[in-house]
N, C-alpha and C. Protein backbone atom coordinates (compact mmCIF):
# COMPACT_ATOMS: atom_id res chain seq x y z
N MET A 1 165.49 176.54 92.75
CA MET A 1 164.61 175.39 92.59
C MET A 1 163.54 175.76 91.55
N ASP A 2 163.36 174.90 90.55
CA ASP A 2 162.34 175.18 89.54
C ASP A 2 160.96 174.71 90.00
N ILE A 3 159.97 175.01 89.21
CA ILE A 3 158.57 174.72 89.59
C ILE A 3 158.34 173.23 89.76
N LEU A 4 158.84 172.43 88.82
CA LEU A 4 158.63 170.99 88.91
C LEU A 4 159.28 170.41 90.17
N GLU A 5 160.50 170.83 90.42
CA GLU A 5 161.20 170.35 91.62
C GLU A 5 160.46 170.75 92.88
N ALA A 6 159.95 171.97 92.92
CA ALA A 6 159.21 172.45 94.08
C ALA A 6 157.95 171.62 94.30
N ASN A 7 157.25 171.28 93.21
CA ASN A 7 156.03 170.48 93.33
C ASN A 7 156.33 169.08 93.83
N ILE A 8 157.42 168.51 93.38
CA ILE A 8 157.80 167.17 93.83
C ILE A 8 158.16 167.19 95.31
N VAL A 9 158.90 168.21 95.73
CA VAL A 9 159.28 168.34 97.13
C VAL A 9 158.04 168.47 98.01
N GLU A 10 157.01 169.12 97.48
CA GLU A 10 155.81 169.37 98.26
C GLU A 10 154.79 168.23 98.25
N LEU A 11 155.12 167.11 97.64
CA LEU A 11 154.19 165.98 97.66
C LEU A 11 153.79 165.71 99.10
N ASN A 12 152.52 165.61 99.34
CA ASN A 12 152.09 165.44 100.74
C ASN A 12 152.28 164.00 101.23
N ASP A 13 152.29 163.85 102.52
CA ASP A 13 152.53 162.56 103.14
C ASP A 13 151.53 161.50 102.71
N SER A 14 150.29 161.89 102.46
CA SER A 14 149.29 160.90 102.08
C SER A 14 149.63 160.26 100.74
N LEU A 15 150.20 161.04 99.83
CA LEU A 15 150.60 160.48 98.54
C LEU A 15 151.74 159.48 98.72
N TYR A 16 152.68 159.80 99.59
CA TYR A 16 153.77 158.86 99.87
C TYR A 16 153.22 157.56 100.46
N LYS A 17 152.25 157.66 101.32
CA LYS A 17 151.68 156.47 101.94
C LYS A 17 150.83 155.70 100.94
N GLU A 18 150.00 156.44 100.17
CA GLU A 18 149.08 155.81 99.21
C GLU A 18 149.83 155.11 98.09
N LYS A 19 150.89 155.69 97.63
CA LYS A 19 151.63 155.15 96.48
C LYS A 19 152.93 154.47 96.88
N GLN A 20 153.02 154.05 98.12
CA GLN A 20 154.24 153.43 98.62
C GLN A 20 154.63 152.25 97.74
N GLY A 21 155.86 152.25 97.30
CA GLY A 21 156.36 151.18 96.44
C GLY A 21 156.20 151.46 94.96
N ILE A 22 155.30 152.38 94.60
CA ILE A 22 155.09 152.71 93.20
C ILE A 22 155.13 154.22 92.95
N LEU A 23 155.61 154.97 93.92
CA LEU A 23 155.61 156.44 93.80
C LEU A 23 156.39 156.90 92.59
N TYR A 24 157.58 156.35 92.36
CA TYR A 24 158.40 156.76 91.22
C TYR A 24 157.65 156.53 89.91
N LYS A 25 157.09 155.34 89.75
CA LYS A 25 156.35 155.00 88.53
C LYS A 25 155.12 155.92 88.38
N TYR A 26 154.43 156.17 89.47
CA TYR A 26 153.24 157.02 89.46
C TYR A 26 153.58 158.44 88.98
N VAL A 27 154.63 159.02 89.54
CA VAL A 27 155.03 160.39 89.16
C VAL A 27 155.52 160.42 87.72
N LEU A 28 156.32 159.44 87.33
CA LEU A 28 156.83 159.38 85.97
C LEU A 28 155.69 159.30 84.95
N GLU A 29 154.71 158.46 85.21
CA GLU A 29 153.57 158.33 84.30
C GLU A 29 152.76 159.63 84.23
N ALA A 30 152.66 160.33 85.34
CA ALA A 30 151.89 161.58 85.37
C ALA A 30 152.58 162.68 84.57
N VAL A 31 153.90 162.62 84.48
CA VAL A 31 154.67 163.68 83.83
C VAL A 31 155.03 163.34 82.38
N GLU A 32 155.28 162.09 82.12
CA GLU A 32 155.83 161.67 80.83
C GLU A 32 154.93 161.97 79.64
N LYS A 33 153.66 161.61 79.70
CA LYS A 33 152.78 161.82 78.56
C LYS A 33 152.62 163.30 78.21
N PRO A 34 152.30 164.17 79.17
CA PRO A 34 152.18 165.59 78.81
C PRO A 34 153.50 166.19 78.31
N LEU A 35 154.61 165.70 78.82
CA LEU A 35 155.92 166.21 78.39
C LEU A 35 156.18 165.85 76.93
N ILE A 36 155.92 164.61 76.56
CA ILE A 36 156.10 164.17 75.18
C ILE A 36 155.12 164.88 74.26
N GLU A 37 153.88 165.01 74.71
CA GLU A 37 152.88 165.71 73.89
C GLU A 37 153.28 167.16 73.64
N ARG A 38 153.81 167.83 74.63
CA ARG A 38 154.24 169.23 74.47
C ARG A 38 155.40 169.33 73.49
N ALA A 39 156.35 168.39 73.58
CA ALA A 39 157.48 168.38 72.64
C ALA A 39 156.98 168.14 71.22
N LEU A 40 156.03 167.24 71.05
CA LEU A 40 155.46 166.98 69.72
C LEU A 40 154.70 168.20 69.20
N GLU A 41 154.00 168.87 70.09
CA GLU A 41 153.27 170.08 69.71
C GLU A 41 154.25 171.14 69.20
N ARG A 42 155.35 171.33 69.93
CA ARG A 42 156.35 172.35 69.55
C ARG A 42 157.05 172.02 68.24
N THR A 43 157.11 170.72 67.89
CA THR A 43 157.79 170.30 66.67
C THR A 43 156.81 169.90 65.57
N TYR A 44 155.55 170.25 65.76
CA TYR A 44 154.49 169.94 64.79
C TYR A 44 154.45 168.46 64.45
N GLY A 45 154.62 167.63 65.47
CA GLY A 45 154.51 166.19 65.32
C GLY A 45 155.77 165.50 64.85
N ASN A 46 156.87 166.23 64.70
CA ASN A 46 158.13 165.64 64.25
C ASN A 46 158.79 164.89 65.41
N GLN A 47 158.78 163.57 65.32
CA GLN A 47 159.26 162.74 66.41
C GLN A 47 160.77 162.87 66.62
N LEU A 48 161.53 162.99 65.56
CA LEU A 48 162.98 163.13 65.69
C LEU A 48 163.35 164.42 66.41
N LYS A 49 162.71 165.52 66.03
CA LYS A 49 162.98 166.80 66.69
C LYS A 49 162.52 166.78 68.14
N ALA A 50 161.37 166.17 68.39
CA ALA A 50 160.86 166.07 69.77
C ALA A 50 161.82 165.25 70.63
N ALA A 51 162.34 164.18 70.07
CA ALA A 51 163.30 163.35 70.80
C ALA A 51 164.55 164.15 71.14
N LYS A 52 165.02 164.96 70.20
CA LYS A 52 166.21 165.77 70.44
C LYS A 52 165.95 166.79 71.55
N ILE A 53 164.78 167.41 71.54
CA ILE A 53 164.42 168.37 72.60
C ILE A 53 164.47 167.69 73.96
N LEU A 54 163.93 166.48 74.03
CA LEU A 54 163.85 165.75 75.30
C LEU A 54 165.15 165.04 75.67
N GLY A 55 166.07 164.96 74.71
CA GLY A 55 167.34 164.29 74.99
C GLY A 55 167.23 162.78 75.04
N ILE A 56 166.31 162.24 74.24
CA ILE A 56 166.15 160.79 74.18
C ILE A 56 166.31 160.32 72.74
N ASN A 57 166.50 159.04 72.57
CA ASN A 57 166.67 158.43 71.26
C ASN A 57 165.35 158.42 70.50
N ARG A 58 165.41 158.50 69.17
CA ARG A 58 164.18 158.51 68.37
C ARG A 58 163.38 157.22 68.53
N ASN A 59 164.08 156.10 68.70
CA ASN A 59 163.37 154.84 68.92
C ASN A 59 162.68 154.83 70.28
N THR A 60 163.29 155.46 71.26
CA THR A 60 162.70 155.55 72.59
C THR A 60 161.41 156.34 72.55
N ILE A 61 161.44 157.50 71.87
CA ILE A 61 160.22 158.31 71.81
C ILE A 61 159.12 157.59 71.05
N ARG A 62 159.49 156.88 70.01
CA ARG A 62 158.47 156.13 69.24
C ARG A 62 157.84 155.04 70.10
N THR A 63 158.66 154.36 70.89
CA THR A 63 158.14 153.33 71.79
C THR A 63 157.20 153.94 72.82
N LYS A 64 157.61 155.08 73.39
CA LYS A 64 156.79 155.74 74.42
C LYS A 64 155.49 156.27 73.82
N ILE A 65 155.55 156.81 72.60
CA ILE A 65 154.35 157.31 71.92
C ILE A 65 153.34 156.18 71.76
N LYS A 66 153.83 155.04 71.32
CA LYS A 66 152.94 153.88 71.14
C LYS A 66 152.38 153.41 72.49
N LYS A 67 153.26 153.29 73.49
CA LYS A 67 152.86 152.80 74.82
C LYS A 67 151.84 153.73 75.48
N LEU A 68 152.03 155.04 75.31
CA LEU A 68 151.16 156.03 75.96
C LEU A 68 149.93 156.38 75.13
N GLY A 69 149.81 155.83 73.93
CA GLY A 69 148.65 156.08 73.08
C GLY A 69 148.58 157.51 72.55
N ILE A 70 149.72 158.05 72.19
CA ILE A 70 149.80 159.42 71.67
C ILE A 70 149.75 159.36 70.14
N ASP A 71 149.00 160.28 69.53
CA ASP A 71 148.91 160.36 68.08
C ASP A 71 149.68 161.60 67.60
N PRO A 72 150.91 161.42 67.10
CA PRO A 72 151.72 162.57 66.66
C PRO A 72 151.10 163.33 65.49
N ALA A 73 150.26 162.69 64.72
CA ALA A 73 149.61 163.34 63.58
C ALA A 73 148.71 164.49 64.02
N LYS A 74 148.32 164.46 65.26
CA LYS A 74 147.46 165.50 65.83
C LYS A 74 148.08 166.89 65.70
N TRP A 75 149.41 166.97 65.69
CA TRP A 75 150.08 168.26 65.65
C TRP A 75 150.71 168.60 64.31
N LYS A 76 150.58 167.69 63.34
CA LYS A 76 151.16 167.96 62.02
C LYS A 76 150.35 169.04 61.32
N ILE A 77 151.08 169.87 60.59
CA ILE A 77 150.38 170.96 59.88
C ILE A 77 150.45 170.74 58.39
């Protein structure tokens, strides 16, 4: 079991109760932005390479970058 899986398994009961009905969306939003930012950091802001690392389409990453308010230029050298 990896670290992320272990953390998800350990979500406490209060979180399940508090976020009932939106738990999936809540967890996805908490993980998605930092994950995309890290991929962009590793690729110096190259969206195509970041998309390949994440296994998603380049149009998908561009849409998510816009939706999440991420500035890829931040990592360009």
